[in-house]
Amino acid sequence: MKKILVVDDAMFMRTMIKNILKDSSEYEVVAEAENGKEAVEKYQEHQPDIVTLDITMPEMDGLEALKNIIGMDKGAKVIMCSAMGQQGMVLDAIKNGAKDFIVKPFQADRVLEALGKLS
């Protein structure tokens, strides 16, 4: 079972991803974070297989958190989550090591497809 860290400042977005994954026997959400600083700490603590990472968050944004996580673990598998209209940020994220991105609002099949590519 793949361990997932879900990072988003909006609790309902974290809940949406957890609900998509709850019926899956392939994935287990082992931790959640609501900002980039917390994401980096939880990554170190839980060593998840995959991270879903929001771009726009307080304290430390997703791009900065991505750079920190990749800096600690070159093999980290991070999927960025973005709202429409953030294409420039998504391209930056891919350049900095993100493996994929999911556009909000989440579609269950797209989330599972992105995770499946990394499994």
Protein backbone atom coordinates (compact mmCIF):
# COMPACT_ATOMS: atom_id res chain seq x y z
CA MET A 1 0.00 0.00 0.00
CA LYS A 2 1.38 3.42 -1.01
CA LYS A 3 1.60 6.05 1.73
CA ILE A 4 0.24 9.47 0.76
CA LEU A 5 0.84 12.92 2.30
CA VAL A 6 -1.99 15.33 1.39
CA VAL A 7 -1.09 19.04 1.54
CA ASP A 8 -3.62 21.86 1.06
CA ASP A 9 -4.52 24.88 3.16
CA ALA A 10 -8.25 24.18 2.60
CA MET A 11 -9.52 21.32 4.75
CA PHE A 12 -12.32 20.54 2.29
CA MET A 13 -9.73 19.97 -0.48
CA ARG A 14 -7.77 17.57 1.76
CA THR A 15 -11.02 15.82 2.61
CA MET A 16 -11.91 15.56 -1.09
CA ILE A 17 -8.64 13.76 -1.86
CA LYS A 18 -9.03 11.50 1.20
CA ASN A 19 -12.57 10.60 0.08
CA ILE A 20 -11.30 9.70 -3.41
CA LEU A 21 -8.67 7.42 -1.86
CA LYS A 22 -10.64 5.91 1.03
CA ASP A 23 -12.07 3.03 -1.00
CA SER A 24 -8.73 2.20 -2.58
CA SER A 25 -6.70 -0.73 -1.35
CA GLU A 26 -3.64 0.78 -3.06
CA TYR A 27 -3.30 4.05 -1.12
CA GLU A 28 -3.33 5.15 2.50
CA VAL A 29 -3.28 8.78 3.63
CA VAL A 30 -0.67 8.74 6.39
CA ALA A 31 -0.52 12.49 7.06
CA GLU A 32 -1.98 15.87 6.15
CA ALA A 33 -0.50 19.36 6.18
CA GLU A 34 -2.06 22.79 5.70
CA ASN A 35 1.00 24.74 4.58
CA GLY A 36 4.36 24.16 2.96
CA LYS A 37 6.38 24.38 6.16
CA GLU A 38 4.24 21.68 7.73
CA ALA A 39 4.47 19.63 4.51
CA VAL A 40 8.28 19.53 4.72
CA GLU A 41 8.13 18.49 8.40
CA LYS A 42 5.52 15.78 7.73
CA TYR A 43 7.53 14.51 4.75
CA GLN A 44 10.57 14.01 6.99
CA GLU A 45 8.47 12.40 9.71
CA HIS A 46 6.37 10.01 7.59
CA GLN A 47 8.52 9.40 4.47
CA PRO A 48 5.43 9.03 2.23
CA ASP A 49 5.59 7.36 -1.18
CA ILE A 50 3.64 10.19 -2.85
CA VAL A 51 2.76 13.80 -1.93
CA THR A 52 -0.17 15.81 -3.30
CA LEU A 53 0.88 19.43 -2.87
CA ASP A 54 -1.20 22.58 -3.30
CA ILE A 55 0.62 25.52 -4.87
CA THR A 56 -0.97 28.53 -3.13
CA MET A 57 -0.69 28.27 0.66
CA PRO A 58 0.25 30.50 3.60
CA GLU A 59 3.58 30.39 5.45
CA MET A 60 5.43 28.54 2.65
CA ASP A 61 3.91 28.00 -0.80
CA GLY A 62 3.88 24.70 -2.64
CA LEU A 63 6.75 25.58 -4.97
CA GLU A 64 9.05 26.35 -2.04
CA ALA A 65 7.91 23.19 -0.22
CA LEU A 66 8.55 21.18 -3.40
CA LYS A 67 12.12 22.52 -3.62
CA ASN A 68 12.70 21.62 0.04
CA ILE A 69 11.28 18.11 -0.33
CA ILE A 70 13.25 17.40 -3.54
CA GLY A 71 16.33 18.85 -1.80
CA MET A 72 15.94 16.26 0.97
CA ASP A 73 14.93 13.38 -1.32
CA LYS A 74 15.77 13.52 -5.02
CA GLY A 75 13.43 10.57 -5.61
CA ALA A 76 10.39 12.21 -4.01
CA LYS A 77 7.17 11.73 -5.97
CA VAL A 78 5.17 14.94 -5.79
CA ILE A 79 1.93 15.75 -7.61
CA MET A 80 1.08 19.46 -7.63
CA CYS A 81 -2.51 20.62 -7.25
CA SER A 82 -3.53 23.89 -8.87
CA ALA A 83 -6.53 25.96 -9.75
CA MET A 84 -7.14 26.92 -13.36
CA GLY A 85 -5.00 29.80 -14.53
CA GLN A 86 -1.83 28.76 -12.69
CA GLN A 87 -0.11 27.20 -15.71
CA GLY A 88 3.09 29.21 -15.19
CA MET A 89 3.38 27.95 -11.63
CA VAL A 90 2.68 24.39 -12.76
CA LEU A 91 5.51 24.62 -15.31
CA ASP A 92 7.83 25.92 -12.57
CA ALA A 93 6.80 22.99 -10.39
CA ILE A 94 7.55 20.45 -13.14
CA LYS A 95 10.96 22.09 -13.72
CA ASN A 96 11.64 21.78 -10.00
CA GLY A 97 10.84 18.07 -9.80
CA ALA A 98 7.06 17.62 -9.61
CA LYS A 99 5.98 14.46 -11.43
CA ASP A 100 2.46 15.55 -12.41
CA PHE A 101 -0.26 18.05 -11.65
CA ILE A 102 -3.98 17.88 -10.95
CA VAL A 103 -6.32 20.79 -11.68
CA LYS A 104 -8.88 21.81 -9.06
CA PRO A 105 -11.70 21.05 -8.63
CA PHE A 106 -10.54 17.44 -8.44
CA GLN A 107 -11.97 14.73 -10.66
CA ALA A 108 -11.65 11.33 -8.96
CA ASP A 109 -10.48 9.54 -12.10
CA ARG A 110 -7.76 12.16 -12.75
CA VAL A 111 -6.46 11.91 -9.17
CA LEU A 112 -6.29 8.11 -9.40
CA GLU A 113 -4.67 8.29 -12.84
CA ALA A 114 -1.93 10.65 -11.58
CA LEU A 115 -1.27 8.45 -8.54
CA GLY A 116 -1.31 5.31 -10.68
CA LYS A 117 1.44 6.68 -12.93
CA LEU A 118 3.71 7.00 -9.89
CA SER A 119 2.95 3.67 -8.27
